[in-house]
Amino acid sequence: MISDVLSDATERMSKAVDVAKEDFATVRTGRANPALFQKILVSYYGTPTPLAQLASLQNPEARTLVVTPYDKSALRDIEQAIRDQPNLGANPTNDGTLIRVTLPELTEERRKEFVKIVRTKAEDGKVSIRNIRRKAKDDLDALKSEVGDDEVARGEKELESLTKKYVDSIDEALKRKEAELLEV
């Protein structure tokens, strides 16, 4: 029973770390990366649709991304959705068959702004891990009458070490992303 609670918490914490890393990937660094465009929603026939479902994304150069829509009628909508992204600062150009997005160089001020955004995303990830820990601890406390205080105490110690491990992994990903952002 305790192992079930801990394995469930481990699985959920692992997913929380993955989500945090995905969020980090959506924050722009000095290079163009298709992951920046993963969360862009395009109004396609009135329905918000992820850009990745409407077009292929290629990265021919360091600061250029080429978006090739599967449906040419969606070109204008895709171009507008990219232009409306405040954290990209990109100005897409449409040549009738594909969209070229050239990302401008990041200024020092903009880099620091992105570091703040990444830190906020990291904190959100840590909060979700702590919420998972709290729920698992409540589940362990509910088992006290069935398995005894000593077993629950061992389970709580293991839960704490799991929590520390996953929080540390978010901190490590944060350090890597900050270094990437501040690299000129």
C-alpha atoms as a PDB file:
ATOM      1  CA  MET A   1       0.000   0.000   0.000  1.00  0.00           C
ATOM      2  CA  ILE A   2       2.768   2.442   0.909  1.00  0.00           C
ATOM      3  CA  SER A   3       4.717   1.420  -2.188  1.00  0.00           C
ATOM      4  CA  ASP A   4       1.626   2.164  -4.315  1.00  0.00           C
ATOM      5  CA  VAL A   5       1.377   5.674  -2.875  1.00  0.00           C
ATOM      6  CA  LEU A   6       5.108   6.267  -3.430  1.00  0.00           C
ATOM      7  CA  SER A   7       5.108   4.895  -6.993  1.00  0.00           C
ATOM      8  CA  ASP A   8       2.112   7.077  -7.872  1.00  0.00           C
ATOM      9  CA  ALA A   9       3.864  10.127  -6.383  1.00  0.00           C
ATOM     10  CA  THR A  10       7.063   9.272  -8.293  1.00  0.00           C
ATOM     11  CA  GLU A  11       5.195   9.013 -11.569  1.00  0.00           C
ATOM     12  CA  ARG A  12       3.333  12.279 -11.026  1.00  0.00           C
ATOM     13  CA  MET A  13       6.482  14.143  -9.930  1.00  0.00           C
ATOM     14  CA  SER A  14       8.322  12.875 -12.994  1.00  0.00           C
ATOM     15  CA  LYS A  15       5.528  14.225 -15.202  1.00  0.00           C
ATOM     16  CA  ALA A  16       5.687  17.577 -13.395  1.00  0.00           C
ATOM     17  CA  VAL A  17       9.419  17.805 -14.166  1.00  0.00           C
ATOM     18  CA  ASP A  18       8.737  16.957 -17.832  1.00  0.00           C
ATOM     19  CA  VAL A  19       6.100  19.691 -18.029  1.00  0.00           C
ATOM     20  CA  ALA A  20       8.509  22.213 -16.485  1.00  0.00           C
ATOM     21  CA  LYS A  21      11.188  21.289 -19.034  1.00  0.00           C
ATOM     22  CA  GLU A  22       8.671  21.657 -21.872  1.00  0.00           C
ATOM     23  CA  ASP A  23       7.757  25.093 -20.529  1.00  0.00           C
ATOM     24  CA  PHE A  24      11.441  26.030 -20.464  1.00  0.00           C
ATOM     25  CA  ALA A  25      11.729  25.016 -24.123  1.00  0.00           C
ATOM     26  CA  THR A  26       9.031  27.524 -25.083  1.00  0.00           C
ATOM     27  CA  VAL A  27      11.139  30.430 -23.774  1.00  0.00           C
ATOM     28  CA  ARG A  28      13.299  31.861 -26.506  1.00  0.00           C
ATOM     29  CA  THR A  29      17.082  31.825 -26.385  1.00  0.00           C
ATOM     30  CA  GLY A  30      19.437  33.289 -28.981  1.00  0.00           C
ATOM     31  CA  ARG A  31      18.681  30.423 -31.390  1.00  0.00           C
ATOM     32  CA  ALA A  32      15.520  29.534 -33.290  1.00  0.00           C
ATOM     33  CA  ASN A  33      14.037  26.303 -31.999  1.00  0.00           C
ATOM     34  CA  PRO A  34      10.827  24.586 -33.192  1.00  0.00           C
ATOM     35  CA  ALA A  35       9.879  24.059 -29.524  1.00  0.00           C
ATOM     36  CA  LEU A  36       9.313  27.829 -29.267  1.00  0.00           C
ATOM     37  CA  PHE A  37       6.314  27.403 -31.523  1.00  0.00           C
ATOM     38  CA  GLN A  38       4.787  24.328 -29.854  1.00  0.00           C
ATOM     39  CA  LYS A  39       2.313  26.272 -27.714  1.00  0.00           C
ATOM     40  CA  ILE A  40       1.216  28.743 -30.408  1.00  0.00           C
ATOM     41  CA  LEU A  41      -2.489  28.376 -31.144  1.00  0.00           C
ATOM     42  CA  VAL A  42      -3.728  29.337 -34.602  1.00  0.00           C
ATOM     43  CA  SER A  43      -7.359  30.185 -35.294  1.00  0.00           C
ATOM     44  CA  TYR A  44      -8.013  27.572 -37.994  1.00  0.00           C
ATOM     45  CA  TYR A  45     -11.609  27.757 -39.259  1.00  0.00           C
ATOM     46  CA  GLY A  46     -12.580  29.344 -35.937  1.00  0.00           C
ATOM     47  CA  THR A  47     -10.966  26.637 -33.795  1.00  0.00           C
ATOM     48  CA  PRO A  48      -7.753  27.242 -31.798  1.00  0.00           C
ATOM     49  CA  THR A  49      -5.350  24.636 -33.200  1.00  0.00           C
ATOM     50  CA  PRO A  50      -1.696  24.033 -32.218  1.00  0.00           C
ATOM     51  CA  LEU A  51       0.691  25.218 -34.919  1.00  0.00           C
ATOM     52  CA  ALA A  52       2.457  21.836 -35.015  1.00  0.00           C
ATOM     53  CA  GLN A  53      -0.788  20.260 -36.296  1.00  0.00           C
ATOM     54  CA  LEU A  54      -1.078  22.777 -39.137  1.00  0.00           C
ATOM     55  CA  ALA A  55       2.480  23.031 -40.417  1.00  0.00           C
ATOM     56  CA  SER A  56       5.941  21.531 -40.453  1.00  0.00           C
ATOM     57  CA  LEU A  57       8.675  23.493 -38.710  1.00  0.00           C
ATOM     58  CA  GLN A  58      12.260  23.469 -39.969  1.00  0.00           C
ATOM     59  CA  ASN A  59      15.346  25.201 -38.657  1.00  0.00           C
ATOM     60  CA  PRO A  60      17.690  25.941 -41.618  1.00  0.00           C
ATOM     61  CA  GLU A  61      19.815  28.546 -39.794  1.00  0.00           C
ATOM     62  CA  ALA A  62      20.568  29.540 -36.197  1.00  0.00           C
ATOM     63  CA  ARG A  63      18.021  32.374 -35.997  1.00  0.00           C
ATOM     64  CA  THR A  64      15.630  31.391 -38.807  1.00  0.00           C
ATOM     65  CA  LEU A  65      12.680  29.039 -38.727  1.00  0.00           C
ATOM     66  CA  VAL A  66      10.689  27.968 -41.794  1.00  0.00           C
ATOM     67  CA  VAL A  67       7.000  27.159 -41.304  1.00  0.00           C
ATOM     68  CA  THR A  68       5.439  25.167 -44.161  1.00  0.00           C
ATOM     69  CA  PRO A  69       1.656  24.859 -43.755  1.00  0.00           C
ATOM     70  CA  TYR A  70      -0.060  21.651 -44.837  1.00  0.00           C
ATOM     71  CA  ASP A  71      -3.031  23.743 -45.975  1.00  0.00           C
ATOM     72  CA  LYS A  72      -2.002  26.867 -47.903  1.00  0.00           C
ATOM     73  CA  SER A  73      -5.275  28.604 -46.972  1.00  0.00           C
ATOM     74  CA  ALA A  74      -4.028  28.773 -43.361  1.00  0.00           C
ATOM     75  CA  LEU A  75      -0.944  30.869 -44.265  1.00  0.00           C
ATOM     76  CA  ARG A  76      -2.413  34.200 -43.150  1.00  0.00           C
ATOM     77  CA  ASP A  77      -3.797  32.796 -39.895  1.00  0.00           C
ATOM     78  CA  ILE A  78      -0.456  31.157 -39.026  1.00  0.00           C
ATOM     79  CA  GLU A  79       1.434  34.345 -39.855  1.00  0.00           C
ATOM     80  CA  GLN A  80      -0.904  36.388 -37.637  1.00  0.00           C
ATOM     81  CA  ALA A  81      -0.634  33.910 -34.739  1.00  0.00           C
ATOM     82  CA  ILE A  82       3.177  34.076 -34.856  1.00  0.00           C
ATOM     83  CA  ARG A  83       3.128  37.871 -35.063  1.00  0.00           C
ATOM     84  CA  ASP A  84       0.808  38.040 -32.015  1.00  0.00           C
ATOM     85  CA  GLN A  85       3.300  36.179 -29.756  1.00  0.00           C
ATOM     86  CA  PRO A  86       4.720  38.852 -27.410  1.00  0.00           C
ATOM     87  CA  ASN A  87       7.673  36.813 -26.137  1.00  0.00           C
ATOM     88  CA  LEU A  88       9.049  36.003 -29.606  1.00  0.00           C
ATOM     89  CA  GLY A  89       9.480  39.502 -31.005  1.00  0.00           C
ATOM     90  CA  ALA A  90       9.539  37.904 -34.451  1.00  0.00           C
ATOM     91  CA  ASN A  91       8.348  39.386 -37.710  1.00  0.00           C
ATOM     92  CA  PRO A  92       7.256  36.554 -40.017  1.00  0.00           C
ATOM     93  CA  THR A  93       7.422  36.963 -43.814  1.00  0.00           C
ATOM     94  CA  ASN A  94       4.976  35.132 -46.038  1.00  0.00           C
ATOM     95  CA  ASP A  95       6.022  34.294 -49.609  1.00  0.00           C
ATOM     96  CA  GLY A  96       2.762  32.567 -50.585  1.00  0.00           C
ATOM     97  CA  THR A  97       3.879  28.989 -49.907  1.00  0.00           C
ATOM     98  CA  LEU A  98       5.769  29.183 -46.615  1.00  0.00           C
ATOM     99  CA  ILE A  99       6.521  31.527 -43.745  1.00  0.00           C
ATOM    100  CA  ARG A 100      10.054  32.527 -42.765  1.00  0.00           C
ATOM    101  CA  VAL A 101      10.496  33.651 -39.183  1.00  0.00           C
ATOM    102  CA  THR A 102      13.744  35.430 -38.368  1.00  0.00           C
ATOM    103  CA  LEU A 103      14.246  35.979 -34.678  1.00  0.00           C
ATOM    104  CA  PRO A 104      16.025  39.219 -33.744  1.00  0.00           C
ATOM    105  CA  GLU A 105      19.107  39.246 -31.506  1.00  0.00           C
ATOM    106  CA  LEU A 106      18.248  39.352 -27.820  1.00  0.00           C
ATOM    107  CA  THR A 107      19.205  42.448 -25.882  1.00  0.00           C
ATOM    108  CA  GLU A 108      20.643  42.146 -22.371  1.00  0.00           C
ATOM    109  CA  GLU A 109      17.418  43.557 -20.917  1.00  0.00           C
ATOM    110  CA  ARG A 110      15.294  41.034 -22.859  1.00  0.00           C
ATOM    111  CA  ARG A 111      17.540  38.160 -21.716  1.00  0.00           C
ATOM    112  CA  LYS A 112      17.056  39.143 -18.064  1.00  0.00           C
ATOM    113  CA  GLU A 113      13.305  39.345 -18.658  1.00  0.00           C
ATOM    114  CA  PHE A 114      13.349  35.799 -20.061  1.00  0.00           C
ATOM    115  CA  VAL A 115      15.352  34.596 -17.043  1.00  0.00           C
ATOM    116  CA  LYS A 116      12.567  35.924 -14.791  1.00  0.00           C
ATOM    117  CA  ILE A 117       9.966  34.091 -16.883  1.00  0.00           C
ATOM    118  CA  VAL A 118      11.939  30.841 -16.656  1.00  0.00           C
ATOM    119  CA  ARG A 119      12.339  31.216 -12.882  1.00  0.00           C
ATOM    120  CA  THR A 120       8.571  31.672 -12.560  1.00  0.00           C
ATOM    121  CA  LYS A 121       7.970  28.518 -14.618  1.00  0.00           C
ATOM    122  CA  ALA A 122      10.476  26.639 -12.418  1.00  0.00           C
ATOM    123  CA  GLU A 123       8.694  27.799  -9.283  1.00  0.00           C
ATOM    124  CA  ASP A 124       5.374  26.623 -10.744  1.00  0.00           C
ATOM    125  CA  GLY A 125       6.925  23.203 -11.324  1.00  0.00           C
ATOM    126  CA  LYS A 126       8.230  23.061  -7.749  1.00  0.00           C
ATOM    127  CA  VAL A 127       4.825  24.045  -6.393  1.00  0.00           C
ATOM    128  CA  SER A 128       3.160  21.228  -8.333  1.00  0.00           C
ATOM    129  CA  ILE A 129       5.736  18.769  -6.939  1.00  0.00           C
ATOM    130  CA  ARG A 130       5.036  20.017  -3.409  1.00  0.00           C
ATOM    131  CA  ASN A 131       1.301  19.600  -4.003  1.00  0.00           C
ATOM    132  CA  ILE A 132       1.910  16.009  -5.112  1.00  0.00           C
ATOM    133  CA  ARG A 133       3.990  15.462  -1.954  1.00  0.00           C
ATOM    134  CA  ARG A 134       1.191  16.881   0.218  1.00  0.00           C
ATOM    135  CA  LYS A 135      -1.401  14.580  -1.336  1.00  0.00           C
ATOM    136  CA  ALA A 136       0.895  11.556  -0.994  1.00  0.00           C
ATOM    137  CA  LYS A 137       1.567  12.469   2.658  1.00  0.00           C
ATOM    138  CA  ASP A 138      -2.182  12.665   3.298  1.00  0.00           C
ATOM    139  CA  ASP A 139      -2.582   9.236   1.661  1.00  0.00           C
ATOM    140  CA  LEU A 140       0.205   7.850   3.874  1.00  0.00           C
ATOM    141  CA  ASP A 141      -1.388   9.330   7.004  1.00  0.00           C
ATOM    142  CA  ALA A 142      -4.653   7.624   6.083  1.00  0.00           C
ATOM    143  CA  LEU A 143      -2.809   4.283   6.088  1.00  0.00           C
ATOM    144  CA  LYS A 144      -1.509   4.675   9.681  1.00  0.00           C
ATOM    145  CA  SER A 145      -4.265   2.541  11.195  1.00  0.00           C
ATOM    146  CA  GLU A 146      -3.600  -0.318   8.719  1.00  0.00           C
ATOM    147  CA  VAL A 147       0.218  -0.502   8.592  1.00  0.00           C
ATOM    148  CA  GLY A 148       1.487   1.251  11.713  1.00  0.00           C
ATOM    149  CA  ASP A 149       3.334   4.441  12.526  1.00  0.00           C
ATOM    150  CA  ASP A 150       6.850   3.129  11.834  1.00  0.00           C
ATOM    151  CA  GLU A 151       6.036   2.038   8.275  1.00  0.00           C
ATOM    152  CA  VAL A 152       4.327   5.353   7.557  1.00  0.00           C
ATOM    153  CA  ALA A 153       7.324   7.248   8.962  1.00  0.00           C
ATOM    154  CA  ARG A 154       9.658   5.270   6.642  1.00  0.00           C
ATOM    155  CA  GLY A 155       7.330   6.023   3.735  1.00  0.00           C
ATOM    156  CA  GLU A 156       7.348   9.731   4.584  1.00  0.00           C
ATOM    157  CA  LYS A 157      11.167   9.768   4.659  1.00  0.00           C
ATOM    158  CA  GLU A 158      11.244   8.146   1.243  1.00  0.00           C
ATOM    159  CA  LEU A 159       8.653  10.654   0.012  1.00  0.00           C
ATOM    160  CA  GLU A 160      10.848  13.521   1.214  1.00  0.00           C
ATOM    161  CA  SER A 161      13.876  12.139  -0.633  1.00  0.00           C
ATOM    162  CA  LEU A 162      11.764  11.746  -3.787  1.00  0.00           C
ATOM    163  CA  THR A 163      10.557  15.325  -3.472  1.00  0.00           C
ATOM    164  CA  LYS A 164      14.110  16.603  -3.042  1.00  0.00           C
ATOM    165  CA  LYS A 165      15.291  14.601  -6.055  1.00  0.00           C
ATOM    166  CA  TYR A 166      12.619  16.036  -8.367  1.00  0.00           C
ATOM    167  CA  VAL A 167      12.935  19.605  -7.061  1.00  0.00           C
ATOM    168  CA  ASP A 168      16.696  19.341  -7.623  1.00  0.00           C
ATOM    169  CA  SER A 169      16.114  18.152 -11.175  1.00  0.00           C
ATOM    170  CA  ILE A 170      13.960  21.232 -11.867  1.00  0.00           C
ATOM    171  CA  ASP A 171      16.692  23.426 -10.343  1.00  0.00           C
ATOM    172  CA  GLU A 172      19.277  21.765 -12.589  1.00  0.00           C
ATOM    173  CA  ALA A 173      17.149  22.335 -15.705  1.00  0.00           C
ATOM    174  CA  LEU A 174      16.658  25.949 -14.586  1.00  0.00           C
ATOM    175  CA  LYS A 175      20.422  26.480 -14.258  1.00  0.00           C
ATOM    176  CA  ARG A 176      20.995  25.090 -17.757  1.00  0.00           C
ATOM    177  CA  LYS A 177      18.266  27.284 -19.247  1.00  0.00           C
ATOM    178  CA  GLU A 178      19.550  30.418 -17.465  1.00  0.00           C
ATOM    179  CA  ALA A 179      23.073  29.747 -18.762  1.00  0.00           C
ATOM    180  CA  GLU A 180      21.646  29.290 -22.256  1.00  0.00           C
ATOM    181  CA  LEU A 181      19.673  32.524 -21.997  1.00  0.00           C
ATOM    182  CA  LEU A 182      22.564  34.617 -20.688  1.00  0.00           C
ATOM    183  CA  GLU A 183      25.032  33.217 -23.234  1.00  0.00           C
ATOM    184  CA  VAL A 184      25.745  35.896 -25.840  1.00  0.00           C
END
